[in-house]
N, C-alpha and C. Protein backbone atom coordinates (compact mmCIF):
# COMPACT_ATOMS: atom_id res chain seq x y z
N MET A 1 281.27 42.31 171.09
CA MET A 1 281.74 43.19 170.04
C MET A 1 280.85 44.43 169.96
N MET A 2 279.54 44.24 169.97
CA MET A 2 278.62 45.36 169.89
C MET A 2 278.72 46.23 171.14
N GLU A 3 278.95 45.59 172.30
CA GLU A 3 279.09 46.34 173.53
C GLU A 3 280.33 47.23 173.49
N GLU A 4 281.42 46.74 172.89
CA GLU A 4 282.64 47.54 172.75
C GLU A 4 282.40 48.76 171.87
N GLN A 5 281.68 48.60 170.77
CA GLN A 5 281.39 49.74 169.90
C GLN A 5 280.49 50.74 170.60
N LEU A 6 279.53 50.26 171.38
CA LEU A 6 278.65 51.15 172.11
C LEU A 6 279.43 51.93 173.16
N ARG A 7 280.37 51.27 173.83
CA ARG A 7 281.18 51.93 174.84
C ARG A 7 282.06 53.01 174.21
N GLN A 8 282.57 52.74 173.01
CA GLN A 8 283.39 53.74 172.32
C GLN A 8 282.57 54.99 172.01
N ARG A 9 281.31 54.83 171.73
CA ARG A 9 280.48 55.98 171.39
C ARG A 9 280.04 56.75 172.63
N VAL A 10 279.93 56.08 173.76
CA VAL A 10 279.46 56.73 174.98
C VAL A 10 280.61 57.44 175.69
N GLU A 11 281.73 56.79 175.83
CA GLU A 11 282.86 57.37 176.54
C GLU A 11 283.61 58.32 175.61
N PRO A 12 283.91 59.52 176.10
CA PRO A 12 284.65 60.46 175.26
C PRO A 12 286.09 60.00 175.06
N SER A 13 286.62 60.29 173.90
CA SER A 13 288.00 59.93 173.61
C SER A 13 288.94 60.90 174.33
N LEU A 14 290.21 60.57 174.30
CA LEU A 14 291.21 61.44 174.92
C LEU A 14 291.24 62.80 174.22
N ALA A 15 291.07 62.80 172.90
CA ALA A 15 291.05 64.06 172.15
C ALA A 15 289.83 64.90 172.54
N GLU A 16 288.68 64.28 172.72
CA GLU A 16 287.49 65.02 173.13
C GLU A 16 287.66 65.62 174.53
N THR A 17 288.22 64.85 175.42
CA THR A 17 288.47 65.36 176.77
C THR A 17 289.49 66.49 176.74
N GLY A 18 290.54 66.34 175.97
CA GLY A 18 291.54 67.39 175.83
C GLY A 18 290.96 68.65 175.22
N PHE A 19 290.07 68.48 174.26
CA PHE A 19 289.43 69.64 173.62
C PHE A 19 288.55 70.39 174.61
N VAL A 20 287.83 69.66 175.45
CA VAL A 20 287.01 70.32 176.48
C VAL A 20 287.90 71.11 177.43
N TRP A 21 289.02 70.53 177.83
CA TRP A 21 289.96 71.24 178.72
C TRP A 21 290.53 72.48 178.03
N LEU A 22 290.86 72.36 176.74
CA LEU A 22 291.37 73.51 176.01
C LEU A 22 290.33 74.63 175.99
N MET A 23 289.08 74.29 175.73
CA MET A 23 288.02 75.30 175.68
C MET A 23 287.83 75.96 177.05
N ARG A 24 287.88 75.17 178.11
CA ARG A 24 287.70 75.72 179.45
C ARG A 24 288.87 76.62 179.85
N LEU A 25 290.10 76.20 179.54
CA LEU A 25 291.26 77.03 179.86
C LEU A 25 291.26 78.31 179.03
N LEU A 26 290.87 78.21 177.77
CA LEU A 26 290.78 79.39 176.92
C LEU A 26 289.68 80.32 177.44
N ALA A 27 288.60 79.76 177.97
CA ALA A 27 287.53 80.58 178.55
C ALA A 27 288.05 81.36 179.75
N LEU A 28 288.82 80.72 180.61
CA LEU A 28 289.39 81.41 181.77
C LEU A 28 290.37 82.50 181.34
N TYR A 29 291.15 82.20 180.32
CA TYR A 29 292.10 83.18 179.77
C TYR A 29 291.34 84.39 179.21
N CYS A 30 290.26 84.14 178.47
CA CYS A 30 289.46 85.24 177.92
C CYS A 30 288.80 86.05 179.03
N LEU A 31 288.35 85.39 180.06
CA LEU A 31 287.74 86.10 181.18
C LEU A 31 288.77 87.02 181.85
N ALA A 32 289.98 86.52 182.03
CA ALA A 32 291.04 87.33 182.62
C ALA A 32 291.38 88.53 181.73
N LEU A 33 291.42 88.32 180.42
CA LEU A 33 291.68 89.44 179.51
C LEU A 33 290.55 90.45 179.56
N GLY A 34 289.31 89.96 179.61
CA GLY A 34 288.17 90.87 179.71
C GLY A 34 288.22 91.70 180.97
N VAL A 35 288.55 91.07 182.08
CA VAL A 35 288.66 91.80 183.35
C VAL A 35 289.79 92.83 183.26
N ALA A 36 290.89 92.47 182.62
CA ALA A 36 292.01 93.41 182.48
C ALA A 36 291.59 94.64 181.66
N TYR A 37 290.84 94.42 180.61
CA TYR A 37 290.38 95.56 179.82
C TYR A 37 289.36 96.40 180.59
N TRP A 38 288.51 95.75 181.40
CA TRP A 38 287.58 96.52 182.23
C TRP A 38 288.31 97.33 183.29
N ILE A 39 289.36 96.77 183.87
CA ILE A 39 290.17 97.51 184.84
C ILE A 39 290.76 98.75 184.18
N ARG A 40 291.21 98.58 182.94
CA ARG A 40 291.76 99.71 182.20
C ARG A 40 290.67 100.76 181.96
N LEU A 41 289.46 100.32 181.63
CA LEU A 41 288.39 101.27 181.32
C LEU A 41 287.92 102.06 182.53
N ILE A 42 287.80 101.41 183.67
CA ILE A 42 287.26 102.12 184.83
C ILE A 42 288.33 102.82 185.66
N GLY A 43 289.60 102.63 185.30
CA GLY A 43 290.67 103.39 185.93
C GLY A 43 291.12 102.91 187.28
N LEU A 44 291.02 101.62 187.55
CA LEU A 44 291.48 101.10 188.84
C LEU A 44 293.00 100.99 188.93
N HIS A 45 293.66 100.97 187.81
CA HIS A 45 295.11 100.82 187.78
C HIS A 45 295.75 102.16 187.49
N GLN A 46 296.82 102.46 188.20
CA GLN A 46 297.53 103.72 187.98
C GLN A 46 298.43 103.61 186.75
N GLY A 47 298.54 104.66 186.03
CA GLY A 47 299.44 104.68 184.88
C GLY A 47 298.88 105.53 183.76
N LEU A 48 299.74 105.80 182.79
CA LEU A 48 299.36 106.59 181.64
C LEU A 48 298.34 105.83 180.79
N LEU A 49 297.29 106.49 180.39
CA LEU A 49 296.24 105.93 179.54
C LEU A 49 295.47 104.79 180.20
N TRP A 50 295.38 104.79 181.51
CA TRP A 50 294.66 103.72 182.19
C TRP A 50 293.29 104.17 182.65
N ARG A 51 292.81 105.25 182.08
CA ARG A 51 291.45 105.69 182.35
C ARG A 51 290.79 106.02 181.03
N PHE A 52 289.53 105.70 180.90
CA PHE A 52 288.82 105.86 179.63
C PHE A 52 288.84 107.31 179.16
N ASP A 53 288.63 108.25 180.04
CA ASP A 53 288.55 109.65 179.63
C ASP A 53 289.91 110.23 179.24
N LEU A 54 290.99 109.56 179.57
CA LEU A 54 292.33 110.03 179.20
C LEU A 54 292.89 109.32 177.96
N MET A 55 292.20 108.29 177.49
CA MET A 55 292.70 107.50 176.35
C MET A 55 292.42 108.22 175.04
N PRO A 56 293.31 108.04 174.04
CA PRO A 56 292.98 108.49 172.70
C PRO A 56 291.80 107.67 172.16
N TRP A 57 291.14 108.16 171.13
CA TRP A 57 289.94 107.49 170.63
C TRP A 57 290.24 106.07 170.14
N GLN A 58 291.44 105.82 169.62
CA GLN A 58 291.78 104.47 169.14
C GLN A 58 291.78 103.47 170.30
N TRP A 59 292.38 103.89 171.42
CA TRP A 59 292.41 103.03 172.60
C TRP A 59 291.01 102.86 173.18
N GLN A 60 290.22 103.92 173.15
CA GLN A 60 288.85 103.82 173.65
C GLN A 60 288.06 102.80 172.87
N ALA A 61 288.12 102.86 171.54
CA ALA A 61 287.38 101.93 170.69
C ALA A 61 287.85 100.50 170.90
N ALA A 62 289.17 100.31 170.92
CA ALA A 62 289.71 98.95 171.08
C ALA A 62 289.41 98.39 172.47
N SER A 63 289.59 99.21 173.51
CA SER A 63 289.39 98.72 174.87
C SER A 63 287.93 98.36 175.13
N VAL A 64 287.02 99.20 174.66
CA VAL A 64 285.60 98.91 174.86
C VAL A 64 285.21 97.64 174.11
N SER A 65 285.67 97.51 172.87
CA SER A 65 285.35 96.32 172.08
C SER A 65 285.86 95.04 172.74
N LEU A 66 287.12 95.07 173.17
CA LEU A 66 287.71 93.87 173.77
C LEU A 66 287.16 93.60 175.16
N ALA A 67 286.79 94.65 175.89
CA ALA A 67 286.19 94.46 177.21
C ALA A 67 284.84 93.76 177.11
N VAL A 68 284.17 93.90 175.99
CA VAL A 68 282.89 93.21 175.78
C VAL A 68 283.11 91.85 175.12
N LEU A 69 283.96 91.80 174.10
CA LEU A 69 284.14 90.56 173.34
C LEU A 69 284.76 89.43 174.15
N PHE A 70 285.78 89.73 174.95
CA PHE A 70 286.45 88.65 175.67
C PHE A 70 285.56 87.95 176.70
N PRO A 71 284.78 88.66 177.52
CA PRO A 71 283.88 87.93 178.43
C PRO A 71 282.77 87.16 177.69
N VAL A 72 282.28 87.70 176.58
CA VAL A 72 281.28 86.98 175.79
C VAL A 72 281.90 85.71 175.20
N ALA A 73 283.12 85.83 174.70
CA ALA A 73 283.82 84.66 174.18
C ALA A 73 284.06 83.64 175.29
N ALA A 74 284.41 84.11 176.48
CA ALA A 74 284.63 83.20 177.61
C ALA A 74 283.37 82.41 177.93
N THR A 75 282.24 83.09 177.88
CA THR A 75 280.96 82.41 178.15
C THR A 75 280.70 81.34 177.09
N GLY A 76 280.87 81.69 175.83
CA GLY A 76 280.64 80.73 174.75
C GLY A 76 281.61 79.56 174.77
N LEU A 77 282.87 79.84 175.09
CA LEU A 77 283.86 78.76 175.16
C LEU A 77 283.57 77.83 176.33
N TRP A 78 283.18 78.38 177.46
CA TRP A 78 282.91 77.55 178.63
C TRP A 78 281.72 76.63 178.37
N MET A 79 280.70 77.16 177.70
CA MET A 79 279.51 76.36 177.41
C MET A 79 279.70 75.46 176.18
N ARG A 80 280.83 75.62 175.51
CA ARG A 80 281.13 74.90 174.27
C ARG A 80 280.09 75.18 173.20
N ALA A 81 279.61 76.42 173.19
CA ALA A 81 278.67 76.86 172.16
C ALA A 81 279.44 77.07 170.86
N PRO A 82 278.80 76.84 169.72
CA PRO A 82 279.52 77.00 168.45
C PRO A 82 279.98 78.43 168.17
N TRP A 83 279.34 79.41 168.78
CA TRP A 83 279.73 80.80 168.55
C TRP A 83 280.88 81.24 169.45
N GLY A 84 281.24 80.47 170.47
CA GLY A 84 282.32 80.83 171.37
C GLY A 84 283.66 81.00 170.68
N PRO A 85 284.11 79.99 169.92
CA PRO A 85 285.38 80.15 169.21
C PRO A 85 285.35 81.26 168.16
N VAL A 86 284.19 81.51 167.57
CA VAL A 86 284.09 82.59 166.57
C VAL A 86 284.32 83.95 167.23
N ILE A 87 283.67 84.17 168.38
CA ILE A 87 283.85 85.43 169.10
C ILE A 87 285.29 85.54 169.60
N TRP A 88 285.86 84.44 170.09
CA TRP A 88 287.26 84.48 170.52
C TRP A 88 288.16 84.84 169.35
N PHE A 89 287.93 84.24 168.20
CA PHE A 89 288.77 84.53 167.04
C PHE A 89 288.69 86.00 166.66
N ALA A 90 287.49 86.57 166.69
CA ALA A 90 287.33 88.00 166.37
C ALA A 90 288.10 88.86 167.37
N ALA A 91 287.95 88.56 168.65
CA ALA A 91 288.65 89.34 169.68
C ALA A 91 290.17 89.16 169.56
N ALA A 92 290.62 87.94 169.34
CA ALA A 92 292.05 87.68 169.21
C ALA A 92 292.62 88.36 167.97
N LEU A 93 291.85 88.39 166.90
CA LEU A 93 292.30 89.06 165.68
C LEU A 93 292.43 90.57 165.91
N ILE A 94 291.45 91.16 166.57
CA ILE A 94 291.52 92.59 166.88
C ILE A 94 292.74 92.88 167.75
N GLU A 95 292.93 92.08 168.78
CA GLU A 95 294.05 92.30 169.70
C GLU A 95 295.39 92.09 168.99
N THR A 96 295.47 91.08 168.14
CA THR A 96 296.70 90.82 167.41
C THR A 96 297.02 91.96 166.45
N LEU A 97 296.01 92.43 165.75
CA LEU A 97 296.22 93.56 164.83
C LEU A 97 296.64 94.82 165.58
N MET A 98 296.06 95.03 166.76
CA MET A 98 296.43 96.19 167.58
C MET A 98 297.92 96.22 167.86
N TYR A 99 298.45 95.08 168.29
CA TYR A 99 299.83 95.04 168.77
C TYR A 99 300.86 94.66 167.71
N THR A 100 300.42 94.42 166.48
CA THR A 100 301.38 94.11 165.41
C THR A 100 301.25 95.11 164.26
N VAL A 101 300.15 95.06 163.55
CA VAL A 101 299.97 95.91 162.38
C VAL A 101 299.87 97.38 162.78
N PHE A 102 299.12 97.66 163.84
CA PHE A 102 298.93 99.04 164.28
C PHE A 102 299.77 99.36 165.53
N GLU A 103 300.98 98.83 165.56
CA GLU A 103 301.84 99.02 166.74
C GLU A 103 302.24 100.47 166.94
N ARG A 104 302.22 101.28 165.90
CA ARG A 104 302.56 102.70 166.07
C ARG A 104 301.50 103.44 166.88
N ILE A 105 300.27 102.97 166.79
CA ILE A 105 299.18 103.61 167.53
C ILE A 105 299.06 103.04 168.94
N PHE A 106 299.14 101.73 169.06
CA PHE A 106 298.86 101.07 170.34
C PHE A 106 300.13 100.75 171.12
N ALA A 107 301.01 100.00 170.59
CA ALA A 107 302.29 99.60 171.19
C ALA A 107 302.68 98.29 170.54
N ALA A 108 303.96 98.01 170.55
CA ALA A 108 304.43 96.74 169.99
C ALA A 108 304.41 95.69 171.09
N ASN A 109 303.70 94.61 170.82
CA ASN A 109 303.66 93.50 171.76
C ASN A 109 303.51 92.21 170.96
N PRO A 110 304.60 91.71 170.39
CA PRO A 110 304.51 90.52 169.53
C PRO A 110 304.10 89.26 170.29
N MET A 111 304.26 89.23 171.62
CA MET A 111 303.87 88.04 172.38
C MET A 111 302.36 87.80 172.32
N VAL A 112 301.59 88.87 172.17
CA VAL A 112 300.13 88.72 172.02
C VAL A 112 299.83 87.94 170.74
N ALA A 113 300.51 88.32 169.65
CA ALA A 113 300.31 87.63 168.38
C ALA A 113 300.77 86.18 168.45
N VAL A 114 301.90 85.95 169.08
CA VAL A 114 302.42 84.58 169.20
C VAL A 114 301.46 83.72 170.03
N THR A 115 300.99 84.26 171.15
CA THR A 115 300.07 83.51 172.01
C THR A 115 298.78 83.17 171.27
N ASN A 116 298.22 84.16 170.60
CA ASN A 116 296.97 83.91 169.87
C ASN A 116 297.18 82.92 168.73
N LEU A 117 298.31 82.99 168.05
CA LEU A 117 298.59 82.06 166.98
C LEU A 117 298.75 80.63 167.51
N LEU A 118 299.45 80.47 168.62
CA LEU A 118 299.63 79.14 169.21
C LEU A 118 298.29 78.54 169.66
N ILE A 119 297.44 79.37 170.25
CA ILE A 119 296.12 78.89 170.66
C ILE A 119 295.31 78.48 169.44
N LEU A 120 295.37 79.29 168.38
CA LEU A 120 294.63 78.97 167.15
C LEU A 120 295.13 77.66 166.54
N LEU A 121 296.45 77.47 166.50
CA LEU A 121 297.00 76.22 165.94
C LEU A 121 296.60 75.01 166.78
N LEU A 122 296.60 75.16 168.09
CA LEU A 122 296.17 74.08 168.96
C LEU A 122 294.70 73.75 168.74
N TYR A 123 293.88 74.78 168.60
CA TYR A 123 292.45 74.59 168.34
C TYR A 123 292.24 73.85 167.01
N ILE A 124 292.95 74.28 165.96
CA ILE A 124 292.82 73.62 164.66
C ILE A 124 293.28 72.17 164.73
N ALA A 125 294.37 71.91 165.45
CA ALA A 125 294.86 70.53 165.58
C ALA A 125 293.81 69.64 166.25
N PHE A 126 293.20 70.14 167.33
CA PHE A 126 292.15 69.36 167.99
C PHE A 126 290.97 69.12 167.05
N ARG A 127 290.55 70.13 166.32
CA ARG A 127 289.40 69.97 165.42
C ARG A 127 289.69 68.95 164.32
N VAL A 128 290.92 68.94 163.80
CA VAL A 128 291.29 67.97 162.76
C VAL A 128 291.26 66.56 163.34
N VAL A 129 291.85 66.37 164.51
CA VAL A 129 291.85 65.04 165.14
C VAL A 129 290.42 64.58 165.42
N LEU A 130 289.58 65.48 165.94
CA LEU A 130 288.19 65.11 166.23
C LEU A 130 287.42 64.79 164.95
N PHE A 131 287.72 65.49 163.86
CA PHE A 131 287.07 65.19 162.58
C PHE A 131 287.42 63.79 162.11
N PHE A 132 288.71 63.44 162.16
CA PHE A 132 289.12 62.11 161.71
C PHE A 132 288.61 61.01 162.64
N GLN A 133 288.52 61.28 163.93
CA GLN A 133 287.95 60.29 164.85
C GLN A 133 286.47 60.05 164.54
N ALA A 134 285.73 61.12 164.30
CA ALA A 134 284.30 60.98 163.99
C ALA A 134 284.11 60.24 162.68
N ARG A 135 284.96 60.52 161.71
CA ARG A 135 284.85 59.84 160.42
C ARG A 135 285.16 58.35 160.56
N ALA A 136 286.18 58.01 161.35
CA ALA A 136 286.51 56.60 161.57
C ALA A 136 285.41 55.88 162.31
N LEU A 137 284.77 56.59 163.26
CA LEU A 137 283.67 55.98 164.02
C LEU A 137 282.45 55.74 163.13
N ARG A 138 282.19 56.65 162.21
CA ARG A 138 281.07 56.48 161.27
C ARG A 138 281.30 55.30 160.33
N ARG A 139 282.54 55.08 159.96
CA ARG A 139 282.86 54.00 159.02
C ARG A 139 282.77 52.63 159.68
N SER A 140 283.02 52.57 161.00
CA SER A 140 283.00 51.26 161.66
C SER A 140 281.62 50.86 162.09
């Protein structure tokens, strides 16, 4: 009986394993977004407003902020540091506001908001499940 309880504490649960995978996939997603913003800043892609010196100041401020925040968030999420999700949330909030509330300045892209909302809901669901699992483990 004691060995079974010890094994439960040593082996990660399915929710813990799933949460680690979510954090790693979100880290890769953030890294890709960071690289995309850096490509926009240094002008490797052809198109209107795809170079820093040609962007309006709003795009310059947003692109520079997100080009820094997303790779930092990716690092924190990959390491499962407590500040990783906080930085991701800040970057996702900025990006969501850009493409929804301030769509007249940046552009309308509701899929960014939907994607960020779905990721946030998935993150909250995992945290709730992990909280209840930890509480049940403490009680037993």
